[in-house]
């Protein structure tokens, strides 16, 4: 809650527009990192533009959460914290990697 209060006061002082949900704030910003308690979002006019941006930034994106399967990294809503045995962090099979060393 301290992070929320702090970031809210910073955004208010700097006149940054945001949506306030009293536990998290949404800010229109296309950067990947955001402060704790802030979620960045971005608008797209066309899904193909969004998918192009996602593909261009693939190295920075862990997964795509969506209703439809757009690529091999698409994860259904509610499943991002329930990986399967064959899901590897950043696509690296740690045991296979360690066996190479």
Protein backbone atom coordinates (compact mmCIF):
# COMPACT_ATOMS: atom_id res chain seq x y z
CA UNK A 1 0.00 0.00 0.00
CA UNK A 2 2.97 2.30 0.64
CA UNK A 3 4.02 1.93 -3.01
CA UNK A 4 0.50 2.77 -4.13
CA UNK A 5 0.36 5.89 -1.94
CA UNK A 6 3.82 7.01 -3.00
CA UNK A 7 3.25 6.51 -6.76
CA UNK A 8 -0.17 8.12 -6.60
CA UNK A 9 1.27 11.22 -4.95
CA UNK A 10 4.06 11.41 -7.55
CA UNK A 11 1.57 11.17 -10.42
CA UNK A 12 -0.71 13.77 -8.84
CA UNK A 13 2.16 16.20 -8.26
CA UNK A 14 3.38 15.73 -11.85
CA UNK A 15 -0.17 15.95 -13.29
CA UNK A 16 0.18 12.54 -14.95
CA UNK A 17 -3.24 11.18 -15.98
CA UNK A 18 -4.07 7.75 -14.55
CA UNK A 19 -6.99 5.51 -13.65
CA UNK A 20 -7.26 4.82 -9.93
CA UNK A 21 -8.67 1.54 -8.60
CA UNK A 22 -7.62 2.22 -4.98
CA UNK A 23 -5.15 -0.70 -4.95
CA UNK A 24 -3.59 -0.32 -8.39
CA UNK A 25 -3.31 2.52 -10.88
CA UNK A 26 -3.40 2.24 -14.67
CA UNK A 27 -1.27 4.61 -16.69
CA UNK A 28 -1.20 4.91 -20.48
CA UNK A 29 2.46 4.25 -21.22
CA UNK A 30 4.13 1.92 -23.71
CA UNK A 31 7.20 1.18 -21.57
CA UNK A 32 7.66 -2.36 -20.25
CA UNK A 33 8.60 -1.52 -16.70
CA UNK A 34 6.32 0.25 -14.28
CA UNK A 35 6.56 1.06 -10.57
CA UNK A 36 5.01 -1.34 -8.08
CA UNK A 37 1.26 -0.59 -7.88
CA UNK A 38 1.15 0.83 -11.44
CA UNK A 39 0.13 -1.07 -14.56
CA UNK A 40 1.05 0.43 -17.93
CA UNK A 41 -1.28 -0.01 -20.89
CA UNK A 42 -1.36 1.00 -24.53
CA UNK A 43 -4.13 1.40 -27.12
CA UNK A 44 -4.00 -0.12 -30.61
CA UNK A 45 -6.37 0.51 -33.52
CA UNK A 46 -5.65 -2.85 -35.12
CA UNK A 47 -4.72 -6.23 -33.62
CA UNK A 48 -2.13 -6.74 -36.36
CA UNK A 49 -0.26 -3.62 -35.15
CA UNK A 50 -0.28 -4.97 -31.59
CA UNK A 51 0.97 -8.39 -32.73
CA UNK A 52 3.71 -6.75 -34.79
CA UNK A 53 4.89 -4.79 -31.74
CA UNK A 54 4.79 -7.96 -29.65
CA UNK A 55 6.85 -9.87 -32.21
CA UNK A 56 9.36 -7.02 -32.46
CA UNK A 57 9.80 -7.02 -28.68
CA UNK A 58 9.76 -10.82 -28.25
CA UNK A 59 12.98 -10.88 -26.21
CA UNK A 60 11.41 -8.61 -23.59
CA UNK A 61 8.05 -10.40 -23.33
CA UNK A 62 7.61 -13.57 -21.29
CA UNK A 63 4.12 -14.45 -22.52
CA UNK A 64 1.08 -13.08 -24.30
CA UNK A 65 -2.17 -13.43 -22.36
CA UNK A 66 -5.19 -13.60 -24.65
CA UNK A 67 -8.48 -15.38 -25.30
CA UNK A 68 -7.33 -16.45 -28.77
CA UNK A 69 -4.04 -18.22 -29.53
CA UNK A 70 -1.96 -15.72 -31.54
CA UNK A 71 1.44 -17.42 -31.26
CA UNK A 72 3.23 -20.22 -29.42
CA UNK A 73 3.69 -17.96 -26.36
CA UNK A 74 -0.02 -17.22 -25.92
CA UNK A 75 -1.36 -18.19 -22.48
CA UNK A 76 -5.09 -18.24 -21.63
CA UNK A 77 -6.44 -15.83 -19.01
CA UNK A 78 -6.03 -17.25 -15.50
CA UNK A 79 -3.19 -19.62 -16.48
CA UNK A 80 -0.12 -17.37 -16.29
CA UNK A 81 0.76 -18.61 -12.80
CA UNK A 82 -0.01 -22.26 -13.59
CA UNK A 83 2.79 -23.38 -15.93
CA UNK A 84 2.81 -26.86 -17.44
CA UNK A 85 5.80 -29.19 -17.00
CA UNK A 86 7.01 -28.31 -20.51
CA UNK A 87 6.80 -24.54 -19.94
CA UNK A 88 10.26 -23.13 -19.26
CA UNK A 89 11.17 -19.69 -17.93
CA UNK A 90 12.28 -17.64 -20.94
CA UNK A 91 12.09 -20.79 -23.07
CA UNK A 92 15.16 -22.38 -21.42
CA UNK A 93 15.04 -26.00 -20.22
CA UNK A 94 17.24 -25.58 -17.14
CA UNK A 95 17.98 -29.29 -16.70
CA UNK A 96 18.97 -29.65 -20.37
CA UNK A 97 21.15 -26.56 -20.05
CA UNK A 98 22.86 -27.92 -16.92
CA UNK A 99 23.54 -31.26 -18.61
CA UNK A 100 25.48 -29.45 -21.35
CA UNK A 101 27.84 -27.83 -18.85
